N, C-alpha and C. Protein backbone atom coordinates (compact mmCIF):
# COMPACT_ATOMS: atom_id res chain seq x y z
N UNK A 1 67.88 8.76 -56.57
CA UNK A 1 68.98 9.12 -55.77
C UNK A 1 68.68 10.44 -55.11
N UNK A 2 69.10 10.52 -53.90
CA UNK A 2 68.79 11.71 -53.13
C UNK A 2 69.93 12.69 -53.20
N UNK A 3 69.55 13.90 -53.24
CA UNK A 3 70.55 14.95 -53.30
C UNK A 3 70.69 15.46 -51.89
N UNK A 4 71.90 15.53 -51.46
CA UNK A 4 72.14 16.04 -50.12
C UNK A 4 72.15 17.55 -50.19
N UNK A 5 71.40 18.13 -49.32
CA UNK A 5 71.40 19.58 -49.25
C UNK A 5 72.49 20.02 -48.32
N UNK A 6 73.00 21.16 -48.57
CA UNK A 6 74.05 21.70 -47.73
C UNK A 6 73.44 22.03 -46.39
N UNK A 7 73.92 21.41 -45.31
CA UNK A 7 73.33 21.67 -44.01
C UNK A 7 73.53 23.11 -43.57
N UNK A 8 74.51 23.78 -44.06
CA UNK A 8 74.74 25.16 -43.65
C UNK A 8 73.70 26.09 -44.25
N UNK A 9 73.13 25.71 -45.40
CA UNK A 9 72.16 26.60 -46.03
C UNK A 9 70.79 26.50 -45.38
N UNK A 10 70.54 25.50 -44.58
CA UNK A 10 69.25 25.36 -43.92
C UNK A 10 69.14 26.26 -42.70
N UNK A 11 70.17 26.85 -42.31
CA UNK A 11 70.14 27.67 -41.11
C UNK A 11 69.64 29.06 -41.46
N UNK A 12 68.95 29.63 -40.52
CA UNK A 12 68.44 31.00 -40.68
C UNK A 12 69.42 31.91 -40.02
N UNK A 13 69.76 32.96 -40.73
CA UNK A 13 70.75 33.89 -40.19
C UNK A 13 70.08 34.78 -39.18
N UNK A 14 70.77 35.03 -38.15
CA UNK A 14 70.30 35.93 -37.10
C UNK A 14 70.59 37.35 -37.53
N UNK A 15 69.69 38.29 -37.22
CA UNK A 15 69.97 39.68 -37.57
C UNK A 15 71.15 40.19 -36.76
N UNK A 16 71.94 40.96 -37.42
CA UNK A 16 73.12 41.48 -36.76
C UNK A 16 72.87 42.86 -36.18
N UNK A 17 71.78 43.53 -36.58
CA UNK A 17 71.50 44.85 -36.04
C UNK A 17 70.13 44.84 -35.40
N UNK A 18 69.87 45.81 -34.58
CA UNK A 18 68.54 45.91 -33.96
C UNK A 18 67.53 46.29 -35.05
N UNK A 19 66.43 45.59 -35.08
CA UNK A 19 65.39 45.85 -36.08
C UNK A 19 64.29 46.67 -35.42
N UNK A 20 63.99 47.86 -35.96
CA UNK A 20 62.94 48.71 -35.40
C UNK A 20 61.78 48.88 -36.36
N UNK A 21 61.86 48.47 -37.55
CA UNK A 21 60.78 48.61 -38.52
C UNK A 21 60.93 49.86 -39.37
N UNK A 22 61.78 50.76 -38.98
CA UNK A 22 61.98 52.00 -39.74
C UNK A 22 62.98 51.80 -40.86
N UNK A 23 63.60 50.65 -40.87
CA UNK A 23 64.63 50.42 -41.86
C UNK A 23 64.06 49.98 -43.20
N UNK A 24 62.74 49.65 -43.21
CA UNK A 24 62.15 49.20 -44.47
C UNK A 24 61.94 50.37 -45.40
N UNK A 25 62.26 50.19 -46.61
CA UNK A 25 62.09 51.24 -47.61
C UNK A 25 61.03 50.76 -48.60
N UNK A 26 60.11 51.65 -48.97
CA UNK A 26 59.08 51.32 -49.95
C UNK A 26 59.47 52.02 -51.25
N UNK A 27 59.20 51.34 -52.34
CA UNK A 27 59.52 51.90 -53.65
C UNK A 27 58.69 53.17 -53.86
N UNK A 28 59.34 54.32 -53.88
CA UNK A 28 58.65 55.59 -54.04
C UNK A 28 57.93 55.69 -55.38
N UNK A 29 58.38 55.09 -56.40
CA UNK A 29 57.71 55.12 -57.70
C UNK A 29 56.34 54.47 -57.60
N UNK A 30 56.24 53.36 -56.90
CA UNK A 30 54.95 52.69 -56.72
C UNK A 30 54.03 53.54 -55.88
N UNK A 31 54.56 54.08 -54.80
CA UNK A 31 53.74 54.87 -53.88
C UNK A 31 53.22 56.12 -54.61
N UNK A 32 54.00 56.79 -55.38
CA UNK A 32 53.59 58.00 -56.09
C UNK A 32 52.50 57.68 -57.10
N UNK A 33 52.66 56.58 -57.83
CA UNK A 33 51.63 56.21 -58.80
C UNK A 33 50.32 55.88 -58.10
N UNK A 34 50.36 55.18 -57.01
CA UNK A 34 49.14 54.83 -56.27
C UNK A 34 48.49 56.08 -55.70
N UNK A 35 49.30 56.97 -55.17
CA UNK A 35 48.76 58.21 -54.61
C UNK A 35 48.13 59.06 -55.70
N UNK A 36 48.82 59.16 -56.84
CA UNK A 36 48.27 59.93 -57.95
C UNK A 36 46.97 59.30 -58.45
N UNK A 37 46.93 58.00 -58.52
CA UNK A 37 45.74 57.31 -58.99
C UNK A 37 44.59 57.57 -58.02
N UNK A 38 44.83 57.53 -56.72
CA UNK A 38 43.81 57.81 -55.71
C UNK A 38 43.31 59.25 -55.79
N UNK A 39 44.26 60.16 -55.98
CA UNK A 39 43.86 61.57 -56.11
C UNK A 39 43.05 61.77 -57.39
N UNK A 40 43.40 61.12 -58.45
CA UNK A 40 42.67 61.23 -59.72
C UNK A 40 41.24 60.73 -59.58
N UNK A 41 41.06 59.61 -58.89
CA UNK A 41 39.73 59.05 -58.69
C UNK A 41 38.90 60.00 -57.82
N UNK A 42 39.51 60.50 -56.74
CA UNK A 42 38.80 61.43 -55.86
C UNK A 42 38.45 62.72 -56.60
N UNK A 43 39.36 63.21 -57.40
CA UNK A 43 39.09 64.44 -58.18
C UNK A 43 37.96 64.23 -59.17
N UNK A 44 37.99 63.11 -59.87
CA UNK A 44 36.94 62.80 -60.83
C UNK A 44 35.60 62.65 -60.13
N UNK A 45 35.60 61.98 -58.98
CA UNK A 45 34.38 61.81 -58.20
C UNK A 45 33.84 63.16 -57.74
N UNK A 46 34.72 64.03 -57.27
CA UNK A 46 34.32 65.36 -56.82
C UNK A 46 33.73 66.17 -57.97
N UNK A 47 34.37 66.15 -59.12
CA UNK A 47 33.86 66.87 -60.30
C UNK A 47 32.50 66.31 -60.70
N UNK A 48 32.35 64.99 -60.67
CA UNK A 48 31.07 64.37 -61.01
C UNK A 48 29.97 64.78 -60.05
N UNK A 49 30.28 64.78 -58.75
CA UNK A 49 29.28 65.19 -57.75
C UNK A 49 28.90 66.66 -57.91
N UNK A 50 29.89 67.50 -58.15
CA UNK A 50 29.60 68.92 -58.36
C UNK A 50 28.75 69.13 -59.61
N UNK A 51 29.05 68.38 -60.66
CA UNK A 51 28.26 68.47 -61.89
C UNK A 51 26.82 68.05 -61.63
N UNK A 52 26.63 66.95 -60.90
CA UNK A 52 25.28 66.50 -60.56
C UNK A 52 24.55 67.53 -59.72
N UNK A 53 25.25 68.15 -58.76
CA UNK A 53 24.63 69.18 -57.92
C UNK A 53 24.19 70.38 -58.76
N UNK A 54 25.05 70.80 -59.69
CA UNK A 54 24.71 71.93 -60.55
C UNK A 54 23.52 71.58 -61.44
N UNK A 55 23.54 70.39 -62.03
CA UNK A 55 22.43 69.97 -62.89
C UNK A 55 21.14 69.86 -62.07
N UNK A 56 21.23 69.29 -60.87
CA UNK A 56 20.06 69.19 -60.00
C UNK A 56 19.52 70.56 -59.62
N UNK A 57 20.41 71.48 -59.27
CA UNK A 57 19.98 72.84 -58.92
C UNK A 57 19.34 73.54 -60.10
N UNK A 58 19.94 73.40 -61.27
CA UNK A 58 19.40 74.03 -62.47
C UNK A 58 18.04 73.45 -62.82
N UNK A 59 17.91 72.13 -62.71
CA UNK A 59 16.63 71.48 -62.99
C UNK A 59 15.56 71.97 -62.02
N UNK A 60 15.91 72.06 -60.75
CA UNK A 60 14.96 72.56 -59.75
C UNK A 60 14.54 73.98 -60.03
N UNK A 61 15.51 74.83 -60.36
CA UNK A 61 15.20 76.22 -60.66
C UNK A 61 14.30 76.33 -61.88
N UNK A 62 14.62 75.57 -62.94
CA UNK A 62 13.79 75.61 -64.15
C UNK A 62 12.38 75.11 -63.87
N UNK A 63 12.26 74.07 -63.06
CA UNK A 63 10.94 73.56 -62.68
C UNK A 63 10.14 74.61 -61.92
N UNK A 64 10.79 75.25 -60.95
CA UNK A 64 10.12 76.29 -60.17
C UNK A 64 9.72 77.46 -61.07
N UNK A 65 10.64 77.87 -61.94
CA UNK A 65 10.37 78.99 -62.84
C UNK A 65 9.20 78.66 -63.78
N UNK A 66 9.16 77.46 -64.30
CA UNK A 66 8.06 77.03 -65.17
C UNK A 66 6.75 77.03 -64.41
N UNK A 67 6.77 76.52 -63.18
CA UNK A 67 5.56 76.50 -62.36
C UNK A 67 5.05 77.92 -62.10
N UNK A 68 5.97 78.82 -61.75
CA UNK A 68 5.60 80.22 -61.49
C UNK A 68 5.02 80.86 -62.75
N UNK A 69 5.63 80.60 -63.90
CA UNK A 69 5.14 81.16 -65.17
C UNK A 69 3.74 80.66 -65.47
N UNK A 70 3.51 79.38 -65.23
CA UNK A 70 2.18 78.82 -65.48
C UNK A 70 1.15 79.42 -64.53
N UNK A 71 1.52 79.61 -63.26
CA UNK A 71 0.62 80.25 -62.30
C UNK A 71 0.29 81.67 -62.74
N UNK A 72 1.30 82.41 -63.13
CA UNK A 72 1.10 83.79 -63.57
C UNK A 72 0.21 83.83 -64.81
N UNK A 73 0.43 82.92 -65.75
CA UNK A 73 -0.39 82.88 -66.96
C UNK A 73 -1.84 82.55 -66.63
N UNK A 74 -2.07 81.59 -65.72
CA UNK A 74 -3.44 81.25 -65.32
C UNK A 74 -4.12 82.45 -64.66
N UNK A 75 -3.39 83.15 -63.80
CA UNK A 75 -3.95 84.32 -63.13
C UNK A 75 -4.26 85.42 -64.14
N UNK A 76 -3.36 85.67 -65.08
CA UNK A 76 -3.61 86.68 -66.11
C UNK A 76 -4.79 86.30 -66.99
N UNK A 77 -4.91 85.02 -67.32
CA UNK A 77 -6.06 84.56 -68.11
C UNK A 77 -7.36 84.79 -67.34
N UNK A 78 -7.34 84.53 -66.03
CA UNK A 78 -8.52 84.74 -65.20
C UNK A 78 -8.89 86.23 -65.17
N UNK A 79 -7.89 87.10 -65.00
CA UNK A 79 -8.15 88.54 -64.99
C UNK A 79 -8.72 89.00 -66.33
N UNK A 80 -8.12 88.54 -67.41
CA UNK A 80 -8.58 88.93 -68.75
C UNK A 80 -10.01 88.46 -68.98
N UNK A 81 -10.31 87.23 -68.61
CA UNK A 81 -11.66 86.70 -68.78
C UNK A 81 -12.67 87.47 -67.94
N UNK A 82 -12.30 87.83 -66.72
CA UNK A 82 -13.20 88.60 -65.86
C UNK A 82 -13.46 89.98 -66.46
N UNK A 83 -12.43 90.61 -67.02
CA UNK A 83 -12.62 91.91 -67.66
C UNK A 83 -13.52 91.82 -68.88
N UNK A 84 -13.29 90.81 -69.70
CA UNK A 84 -14.13 90.60 -70.89
C UNK A 84 -15.58 90.35 -70.49
N UNK A 85 -15.77 89.45 -69.51
CA UNK A 85 -17.13 89.12 -69.08
C UNK A 85 -17.81 90.31 -68.42
N UNK A 86 -17.04 91.08 -67.64
CA UNK A 86 -17.61 92.28 -67.03
C UNK A 86 -18.11 93.26 -68.08
N UNK A 87 -17.33 93.45 -69.14
CA UNK A 87 -17.75 94.34 -70.22
C UNK A 87 -19.00 93.82 -70.91
N UNK A 88 -19.05 92.52 -71.16
CA UNK A 88 -20.25 91.93 -71.78
C UNK A 88 -21.46 92.07 -70.87
N UNK A 89 -21.28 91.82 -69.58
CA UNK A 89 -22.39 91.93 -68.64
C UNK A 89 -22.96 93.35 -68.63
N UNK A 90 -22.08 94.34 -68.68
CA UNK A 90 -22.52 95.73 -68.63
C UNK A 90 -23.14 96.21 -69.93
N UNK A 91 -22.77 95.62 -71.04
CA UNK A 91 -23.25 96.11 -72.34
C UNK A 91 -24.32 95.22 -72.96
N UNK A 92 -24.71 94.18 -72.29
CA UNK A 92 -25.75 93.30 -72.82
C UNK A 92 -26.93 93.31 -71.85
N UNK A 93 -27.97 94.04 -72.24
CA UNK A 93 -29.18 94.18 -71.41
C UNK A 93 -30.39 94.04 -72.32
N UNK A 94 -31.45 93.48 -71.76
CA UNK A 94 -32.71 93.33 -72.50
C UNK A 94 -33.85 93.66 -71.54
N UNK A 95 -34.72 94.56 -71.96
CA UNK A 95 -35.81 94.97 -71.08
C UNK A 95 -36.69 93.79 -70.66
N UNK A 96 -36.74 92.73 -71.48
CA UNK A 96 -37.59 91.59 -71.16
C UNK A 96 -37.07 90.80 -69.96
N UNK A 97 -35.79 90.85 -69.68
CA UNK A 97 -35.22 90.14 -68.52
C UNK A 97 -34.12 90.96 -67.86
N UNK A 98 -34.41 92.25 -67.68
CA UNK A 98 -33.42 93.16 -67.13
C UNK A 98 -33.03 92.81 -65.70
N UNK A 99 -33.95 92.24 -64.92
CA UNK A 99 -33.61 91.86 -63.54
C UNK A 99 -32.48 90.84 -63.53
N UNK A 100 -32.56 89.84 -64.39
CA UNK A 100 -31.51 88.81 -64.48
C UNK A 100 -30.21 89.42 -65.00
N UNK A 101 -30.31 90.37 -65.94
CA UNK A 101 -29.12 91.03 -66.47
C UNK A 101 -28.42 91.85 -65.38
N UNK A 102 -29.20 92.56 -64.58
CA UNK A 102 -28.64 93.34 -63.47
C UNK A 102 -28.00 92.40 -62.46
N UNK A 103 -28.67 91.30 -62.16
CA UNK A 103 -28.11 90.34 -61.19
C UNK A 103 -26.80 89.75 -61.70
N UNK A 104 -26.70 89.53 -62.99
CA UNK A 104 -25.47 89.01 -63.58
C UNK A 104 -24.31 90.01 -63.38
N UNK A 105 -24.61 91.31 -63.53
CA UNK A 105 -23.58 92.33 -63.28
C UNK A 105 -23.18 92.30 -61.81
N UNK A 106 -24.15 92.23 -60.91
CA UNK A 106 -23.85 92.20 -59.47
C UNK A 106 -23.07 90.95 -59.08
N UNK A 107 -23.41 89.81 -59.66
CA UNK A 107 -22.71 88.56 -59.34
C UNK A 107 -21.24 88.61 -59.75
N UNK A 108 -20.93 89.41 -60.76
CA UNK A 108 -19.56 89.49 -61.25
C UNK A 108 -18.78 90.68 -60.72
N UNK A 109 -19.29 91.31 -59.64
CA UNK A 109 -18.60 92.49 -59.12
C UNK A 109 -18.51 92.45 -57.60
N UNK A 110 -17.61 93.28 -57.07
CA UNK A 110 -17.40 93.40 -55.62
C UNK A 110 -17.05 94.85 -55.29
N UNK A 111 -17.01 95.13 -54.01
CA UNK A 111 -16.52 96.42 -53.53
C UNK A 111 -17.44 97.58 -53.83
N UNK A 112 -16.84 98.75 -54.04
CA UNK A 112 -17.62 99.96 -54.26
C UNK A 112 -18.40 99.91 -55.57
N UNK A 113 -17.86 99.24 -56.58
CA UNK A 113 -18.61 99.13 -57.83
C UNK A 113 -19.90 98.35 -57.58
N UNK A 114 -19.81 97.26 -56.85
CA UNK A 114 -21.00 96.48 -56.51
C UNK A 114 -22.00 97.35 -55.77
N UNK A 115 -21.53 98.06 -54.75
CA UNK A 115 -22.42 98.91 -53.94
C UNK A 115 -23.10 99.98 -54.78
N UNK A 116 -22.33 100.67 -55.62
CA UNK A 116 -22.89 101.73 -56.48
C UNK A 116 -23.90 101.17 -57.47
N UNK A 117 -23.56 100.05 -58.10
CA UNK A 117 -24.46 99.48 -59.10
C UNK A 117 -25.74 98.97 -58.44
N UNK A 118 -25.60 98.35 -57.29
CA UNK A 118 -26.78 97.85 -56.57
C UNK A 118 -27.70 99.00 -56.18
N UNK A 119 -27.12 100.11 -55.75
CA UNK A 119 -27.90 101.28 -55.35
C UNK A 119 -28.64 101.89 -56.55
N UNK A 120 -28.01 101.91 -57.71
CA UNK A 120 -28.61 102.54 -58.89
C UNK A 120 -29.45 101.56 -59.72
N UNK A 121 -29.44 100.30 -59.38
CA UNK A 121 -30.13 99.28 -60.17
C UNK A 121 -31.63 99.54 -60.35
N UNK A 122 -32.37 99.92 -59.30
CA UNK A 122 -33.82 100.14 -59.51
C UNK A 122 -34.12 101.23 -60.55
N UNK A 123 -33.40 102.34 -60.50
CA UNK A 123 -33.62 103.42 -61.48
C UNK A 123 -33.21 102.96 -62.87
N UNK A 124 -32.11 102.23 -62.98
CA UNK A 124 -31.63 101.71 -64.26
C UNK A 124 -32.66 100.75 -64.85
N UNK A 125 -33.18 99.86 -64.02
CA UNK A 125 -34.19 98.89 -64.47
C UNK A 125 -35.42 99.61 -65.00
N UNK A 126 -35.85 100.64 -64.32
CA UNK A 126 -37.03 101.40 -64.73
C UNK A 126 -36.83 102.04 -66.10
N UNK A 127 -35.67 102.65 -66.32
CA UNK A 127 -35.39 103.30 -67.61
C UNK A 127 -35.33 102.26 -68.73
N UNK A 128 -34.67 101.14 -68.50
CA UNK A 128 -34.55 100.09 -69.52
C UNK A 128 -35.92 99.56 -69.90
N UNK A 129 -36.80 99.34 -68.91
CA UNK A 129 -38.14 98.83 -69.21
C UNK A 129 -38.99 99.89 -69.92
N UNK A 130 -38.90 101.12 -69.47
CA UNK A 130 -39.72 102.20 -70.05
C UNK A 130 -39.36 102.42 -71.52
N UNK A 131 -38.07 102.37 -71.84
CA UNK A 131 -37.64 102.62 -73.23
C UNK A 131 -37.59 101.34 -74.06
N UNK A 132 -37.89 100.22 -73.43
CA UNK A 132 -37.83 98.91 -74.08
C UNK A 132 -36.47 98.74 -74.78
N UNK A 133 -35.45 99.01 -74.01
CA UNK A 133 -34.08 99.01 -74.53
C UNK A 133 -33.51 97.59 -74.60
N UNK A 134 -32.75 97.38 -75.66
CA UNK A 134 -31.98 96.15 -75.83
C UNK A 134 -30.58 96.55 -76.28
N UNK A 135 -29.59 96.03 -75.60
CA UNK A 135 -28.20 96.26 -76.02
C UNK A 135 -27.50 94.91 -76.09
N UNK A 136 -26.64 94.80 -77.08
CA UNK A 136 -25.87 93.56 -77.24
C UNK A 136 -24.41 93.94 -77.45
N UNK A 137 -23.58 93.63 -76.46
CA UNK A 137 -22.16 93.93 -76.55
C UNK A 137 -21.37 92.77 -77.12
N UNK A 138 -20.34 93.11 -77.89
CA UNK A 138 -19.41 92.13 -78.43
C UNK A 138 -18.00 92.64 -78.20
N UNK A 139 -17.20 91.85 -77.52
CA UNK A 139 -15.82 92.25 -77.26
C UNK A 139 -15.02 92.10 -78.55
N UNK A 140 -14.38 93.20 -78.97
CA UNK A 140 -13.56 93.15 -80.18
C UNK A 140 -12.08 93.01 -79.86
N UNK A 141 -11.65 93.57 -78.74
CA UNK A 141 -10.25 93.47 -78.30
C UNK A 141 -10.23 93.52 -76.78
N UNK A 142 -9.25 92.87 -76.20
CA UNK A 142 -9.06 92.95 -74.74
C UNK A 142 -7.61 92.63 -74.42
N UNK A 143 -7.11 93.29 -73.41
CA UNK A 143 -5.74 93.04 -72.98
C UNK A 143 -5.53 93.55 -71.57
N UNK A 144 -4.54 93.01 -70.92
CA UNK A 144 -4.22 93.43 -69.56
C UNK A 144 -3.30 94.64 -69.62
N UNK A 145 -3.71 95.70 -68.95
CA UNK A 145 -2.89 96.91 -68.88
C UNK A 145 -1.84 96.79 -67.78
N UNK A 146 -2.26 96.28 -66.62
CA UNK A 146 -1.32 96.12 -65.51
C UNK A 146 -1.84 95.08 -64.53
N UNK A 147 -0.91 94.51 -63.78
CA UNK A 147 -1.24 93.53 -62.74
C UNK A 147 -0.50 93.94 -61.48
N UNK A 148 -1.19 93.86 -60.36
CA UNK A 148 -0.58 94.17 -59.08
C UNK A 148 -1.13 93.19 -58.04
N UNK A 149 -0.34 92.18 -57.72
CA UNK A 149 -0.77 91.19 -56.73
C UNK A 149 -1.98 90.42 -57.19
N UNK A 150 -3.10 90.59 -56.45
CA UNK A 150 -4.33 89.85 -56.77
C UNK A 150 -5.34 90.71 -57.51
N UNK A 151 -4.88 91.77 -58.17
CA UNK A 151 -5.79 92.61 -58.95
C UNK A 151 -5.12 93.02 -60.26
N UNK A 152 -5.95 93.45 -61.20
CA UNK A 152 -5.43 93.84 -62.51
C UNK A 152 -6.33 94.89 -63.13
N UNK A 153 -5.78 95.58 -64.11
CA UNK A 153 -6.54 96.55 -64.89
C UNK A 153 -6.58 96.02 -66.32
N UNK A 154 -7.79 95.87 -66.84
CA UNK A 154 -8.00 95.27 -68.16
C UNK A 154 -8.62 96.32 -69.08
N UNK A 155 -8.06 96.45 -70.27
CA UNK A 155 -8.64 97.32 -71.29
C UNK A 155 -9.47 96.46 -72.24
N UNK A 156 -10.71 96.91 -72.48
CA UNK A 156 -11.62 96.13 -73.31
C UNK A 156 -12.27 97.06 -74.34
N UNK A 157 -12.22 96.67 -75.60
CA UNK A 157 -12.93 97.38 -76.66
C UNK A 157 -14.19 96.58 -76.97
N UNK A 158 -15.33 97.29 -76.98
CA UNK A 158 -16.62 96.62 -77.15
C UNK A 158 -17.41 97.32 -78.25
N UNK A 159 -18.03 96.52 -79.09
CA UNK A 159 -18.98 97.03 -80.08
C UNK A 159 -20.37 96.75 -79.52
N UNK A 160 -21.19 97.80 -79.41
CA UNK A 160 -22.50 97.65 -78.77
C UNK A 160 -23.61 98.01 -79.76
N UNK A 161 -24.48 97.02 -80.02
CA UNK A 161 -25.68 97.25 -80.83
C UNK A 161 -26.81 97.62 -79.88
N UNK A 162 -27.54 98.68 -80.25
CA UNK A 162 -28.60 99.17 -79.37
C UNK A 162 -29.90 99.31 -80.16
N UNK A 163 -30.97 98.96 -79.50
CA UNK A 163 -32.30 99.24 -80.05
C UNK A 163 -33.22 99.59 -78.89
N UNK A 164 -34.19 100.47 -79.17
CA UNK A 164 -35.19 100.81 -78.15
C UNK A 164 -36.47 101.23 -78.85
N UNK A 165 -37.43 101.68 -78.08
CA UNK A 165 -38.74 102.02 -78.63
C UNK A 165 -38.66 103.17 -79.64
N UNK A 166 -37.71 104.07 -79.44
CA UNK A 166 -37.58 105.24 -80.33
C UNK A 166 -36.82 104.90 -81.61
N UNK A 167 -35.87 104.01 -81.55
CA UNK A 167 -35.05 103.66 -82.73
C UNK A 167 -34.83 102.15 -82.73
N UNK A 168 -35.46 101.50 -83.67
CA UNK A 168 -35.43 100.04 -83.70
C UNK A 168 -34.02 99.48 -83.83
N UNK A 169 -33.26 99.97 -84.76
CA UNK A 169 -31.90 99.44 -84.97
C UNK A 169 -30.95 100.61 -85.18
N UNK A 170 -29.98 100.75 -84.31
CA UNK A 170 -29.02 101.84 -84.41
C UNK A 170 -27.66 101.28 -84.83
N UNK A 171 -26.81 102.20 -85.32
CA UNK A 171 -25.45 101.78 -85.68
C UNK A 171 -24.72 101.33 -84.42
N UNK A 172 -23.87 100.32 -84.54
CA UNK A 172 -23.10 99.89 -83.37
C UNK A 172 -22.20 101.01 -82.85
N UNK A 173 -22.10 101.09 -81.56
CA UNK A 173 -21.22 102.07 -80.92
C UNK A 173 -19.98 101.33 -80.43
N UNK A 174 -18.86 102.00 -80.57
CA UNK A 174 -17.61 101.40 -80.11
C UNK A 174 -17.22 102.05 -78.79
N UNK A 175 -17.06 101.24 -77.77
CA UNK A 175 -16.68 101.72 -76.44
C UNK A 175 -15.35 101.09 -76.06
N UNK A 176 -14.55 101.88 -75.40
CA UNK A 176 -13.32 101.36 -74.80
C UNK A 176 -13.45 101.52 -73.30
N UNK A 177 -13.28 100.43 -72.61
CA UNK A 177 -13.49 100.42 -71.17
C UNK A 177 -12.21 100.00 -70.45
N UNK A 178 -11.99 100.61 -69.31
CA UNK A 178 -10.90 100.22 -68.41
C UNK A 178 -11.59 99.59 -67.21
N UNK A 179 -11.37 98.29 -67.04
CA UNK A 179 -12.06 97.54 -66.00
C UNK A 179 -11.04 97.01 -65.00
N UNK A 180 -11.23 97.39 -63.74
CA UNK A 180 -10.38 96.87 -62.67
C UNK A 180 -11.02 95.60 -62.14
N UNK A 181 -10.22 94.56 -61.99
CA UNK A 181 -10.71 93.28 -61.47
C UNK A 181 -9.84 92.84 -60.31
N UNK A 182 -10.44 92.05 -59.43
CA UNK A 182 -9.71 91.56 -58.26
C UNK A 182 -10.04 90.09 -58.06
N UNK A 183 -9.03 89.33 -57.67
CA UNK A 183 -9.23 87.90 -57.38
C UNK A 183 -9.96 87.77 -56.05
N UNK A 184 -11.07 87.04 -56.10
CA UNK A 184 -11.88 86.77 -54.91
C UNK A 184 -12.08 85.26 -54.87
N UNK A 185 -11.35 84.58 -54.00
CA UNK A 185 -11.41 83.12 -53.98
C UNK A 185 -10.78 82.57 -55.24
N UNK A 186 -11.55 81.77 -55.97
CA UNK A 186 -11.04 81.15 -57.20
C UNK A 186 -11.43 81.91 -58.46
N UNK A 187 -12.09 83.05 -58.31
CA UNK A 187 -12.53 83.82 -59.48
C UNK A 187 -12.07 85.27 -59.34
N UNK A 188 -12.19 86.01 -60.43
CA UNK A 188 -11.90 87.45 -60.40
C UNK A 188 -13.20 88.18 -60.68
N UNK A 189 -13.39 89.30 -59.97
CA UNK A 189 -14.61 90.09 -60.12
C UNK A 189 -14.27 91.55 -60.38
N UNK A 190 -15.22 92.25 -60.97
CA UNK A 190 -15.05 93.66 -61.32
C UNK A 190 -15.10 94.51 -60.06
N UNK A 191 -14.14 95.44 -59.94
CA UNK A 191 -14.13 96.36 -58.81
C UNK A 191 -14.34 97.81 -59.24
N UNK A 192 -14.11 98.10 -60.52
CA UNK A 192 -14.30 99.47 -61.00
C UNK A 192 -14.37 99.44 -62.53
N UNK A 193 -15.13 100.38 -63.08
CA UNK A 193 -15.28 100.49 -64.53
C UNK A 193 -15.14 101.96 -64.91
N UNK A 194 -14.35 102.21 -65.93
CA UNK A 194 -14.22 103.55 -66.47
C UNK A 194 -14.18 103.47 -67.98
N UNK A 195 -14.48 104.59 -68.62
CA UNK A 195 -14.45 104.64 -70.08
C UNK A 195 -13.21 105.38 -70.53
N UNK A 196 -12.60 104.90 -71.60
CA UNK A 196 -11.38 105.49 -72.14
C UNK A 196 -11.75 106.29 -73.37
N UNK A 197 -11.32 107.54 -73.41
CA UNK A 197 -11.63 108.40 -74.57
C UNK A 197 -10.73 108.07 -75.74
C-alpha cells in the first residue's frame, strides 16, 4: 500500500529576505580549535626547524674546529720534528764522511743560517778531518717554545758523545739548543740556531 505524501511538504519555500551570504554563521568553537591546531602544528614545525638549524650549525662548527686542531697539530709535529732533526744533524758528524754530514745540515736549512753554514763549511770540514772528530748527538727532550704563522721556535736538549784523535772517548756533553724553523713547501727547515745557557 502506498503512503500518500503531503503535497504541501514537497514544495520548497522561497526565501523571504535578500540573501547576501553574510548571514551565515560558523561555529566559533570549531573555528578556534582548528586555528589553534594549525598554530600548534606551525609552532612545532618552526621549533623543529630551528632545532635542526642549531644542531647543523653546531655540527659544522665542531667539524671545522676539529679540522683546524688537526691541521695545527700536524704543523706543530712538523716543526718539532724539524727542530729535533736539525739538532741531530748539527751534533752528529764523522770525519770519515763529513762532506755528507755537512750536506745533510745544508739540506735541512734555509735563509741566513744556510748561507752562514755553507760559507763556514770548508773550514769546519778541515778541522773535523784533521782532528779525526766523531760526534754522536741524541735528543733527550724537545718541545715547541712558540709558533708564529709558518715558523716556530723549538727547544731541544741533546746529549753529545765526542771522540777525536786527542781523546778517544769523552764524557757526553749536554747541550740545550733553541732552533728556529720555518715551513718551506711541505717540510720545515732550520733558519737559526742558538745555545741556551
